[in-house]
C-alpha atoms as a PDB file:
ATOM      1  CA  UNK A   1       0.955  -1.375  10.675  1.00  0.00           C
ATOM      2  CA  UNK A   2      -0.135   2.049  11.964  1.00  0.00           C
ATOM      3  CA  UNK A   3       2.684   3.729  10.015  1.00  0.00           C
ATOM      4  CA  UNK A   4       1.572   2.054   6.774  1.00  0.00           C
ATOM      5  CA  UNK A   5      -2.040   3.129   7.381  1.00  0.00           C
ATOM      6  CA  UNK A   6      -0.897   6.684   8.060  1.00  0.00           C
ATOM      7  CA  UNK A   7       1.120   6.714   4.818  1.00  0.00           C
ATOM      8  CA  UNK A   8      -1.964   5.731   2.816  1.00  0.00           C
ATOM      9  CA  UNK A   9      -4.279   8.134   4.633  1.00  0.00           C
ATOM     10  CA  UNK A  10      -1.904  11.064   4.104  1.00  0.00           C
ATOM     11  CA  UNK A  11      -2.143  10.386   0.354  1.00  0.00           C
ATOM     12  CA  UNK A  12      -5.930  10.454  -0.041  1.00  0.00           C
ATOM     13  CA  UNK A  13      -6.867   6.878   0.887  1.00  0.00           C
ATOM     14  CA  UNK A  14      -9.668   6.210   3.359  1.00  0.00           C
ATOM     15  CA  UNK A  15      -9.332   3.279   5.754  1.00  0.00           C
ATOM     16  CA  UNK A  16     -12.054   0.669   5.180  1.00  0.00           C
ATOM     17  CA  UNK A  17     -10.839  -2.148   7.434  1.00  0.00           C
ATOM     18  CA  UNK A  18      -7.681  -3.300   9.279  1.00  0.00           C
ATOM     19  CA  UNK A  19      -7.062  -6.465  11.296  1.00  0.00           C
ATOM     20  CA  UNK A  20      -6.937  -6.169  15.054  1.00  0.00           C
ATOM     21  CA  UNK A  21      -3.494  -5.280  16.516  1.00  0.00           C
ATOM     22  CA  UNK A  22      -3.153  -8.556  18.449  1.00  0.00           C
ATOM     23  CA  UNK A  23      -2.786 -10.537  15.212  1.00  0.00           C
ATOM     24  CA  UNK A  24       0.760 -11.443  14.257  1.00  0.00           C
ATOM     25  CA  UNK A  25       0.345 -10.282  10.657  1.00  0.00           C
ATOM     26  CA  UNK A  26      -1.840  -7.435   9.551  1.00  0.00           C
ATOM     27  CA  UNK A  27      -4.122  -6.926   6.575  1.00  0.00           C
ATOM     28  CA  UNK A  28      -5.841  -3.726   5.648  1.00  0.00           C
ATOM     29  CA  UNK A  29      -8.132  -2.243   3.027  1.00  0.00           C
ATOM     30  CA  UNK A  30      -7.966   1.384   1.936  1.00  0.00           C
ATOM     31  CA  UNK A  31      -9.981   3.079  -0.807  1.00  0.00           C
ATOM     32  CA  UNK A  32      -8.666   6.003  -2.852  1.00  0.00           C
ATOM     33  CA  UNK A  33     -11.098   8.917  -2.494  1.00  0.00           C
ATOM     34  CA  UNK A  34      -9.246  11.657  -4.391  1.00  0.00           C
ATOM     35  CA  UNK A  35      -9.385  12.481  -8.070  1.00  0.00           C
ATOM     36  CA  UNK A  36      -7.085  10.023  -9.923  1.00  0.00           C
ATOM     37  CA  UNK A  37      -4.145  11.407 -11.895  1.00  0.00           C
ATOM     38  CA  UNK A  38      -3.381   9.613 -15.170  1.00  0.00           C
ATOM     39  CA  UNK A  39       0.049   8.010 -15.394  1.00  0.00           C
ATOM     40  CA  UNK A  40       2.464   9.255 -18.002  1.00  0.00           C
ATOM     41  CA  UNK A  41       3.367   6.821 -20.755  1.00  0.00           C
ATOM     42  CA  UNK A  42       6.263   4.638 -19.598  1.00  0.00           C
ATOM     43  CA  UNK A  43       5.689   5.180 -15.860  1.00  0.00           C
ATOM     44  CA  UNK A  44       6.802   2.144 -13.842  1.00  0.00           C
ATOM     45  CA  UNK A  45       4.303   1.131 -11.189  1.00  0.00           C
ATOM     46  CA  UNK A  46       5.905  -2.089  -9.865  1.00  0.00           C
ATOM     47  CA  UNK A  47       9.410  -3.540  -9.816  1.00  0.00           C
ATOM     48  CA  UNK A  48       9.542  -7.288  -9.350  1.00  0.00           C
ATOM     49  CA  UNK A  49      12.625  -9.063  -8.008  1.00  0.00           C
ATOM     50  CA  UNK A  50      13.568 -12.733  -7.953  1.00  0.00           C
ATOM     51  CA  UNK A  51      14.123 -14.977  -4.983  1.00  0.00           C
ATOM     52  CA  UNK A  52      17.864 -14.653  -5.461  1.00  0.00           C
ATOM     53  CA  UNK A  53      17.650 -10.984  -4.442  1.00  0.00           C
ATOM     54  CA  UNK A  54      15.161 -11.594  -1.642  1.00  0.00           C
ATOM     55  CA  UNK A  55      17.367 -14.164   0.068  1.00  0.00           C
ATOM     56  CA  UNK A  56      20.461 -11.938   0.069  1.00  0.00           C
END
């Protein structure tokens, strides 16, 4: 999880809370502290896939 936290922090997010490293799965909270940039019309934010692609 440290690499994910670093990725967020390099992009203007401030770490609020992260689970302790001894936990098997990690959860974290980051808050964006920079000035937001509006998205252009038609910008895709998420791409969802079905289970058929996840199982492959």
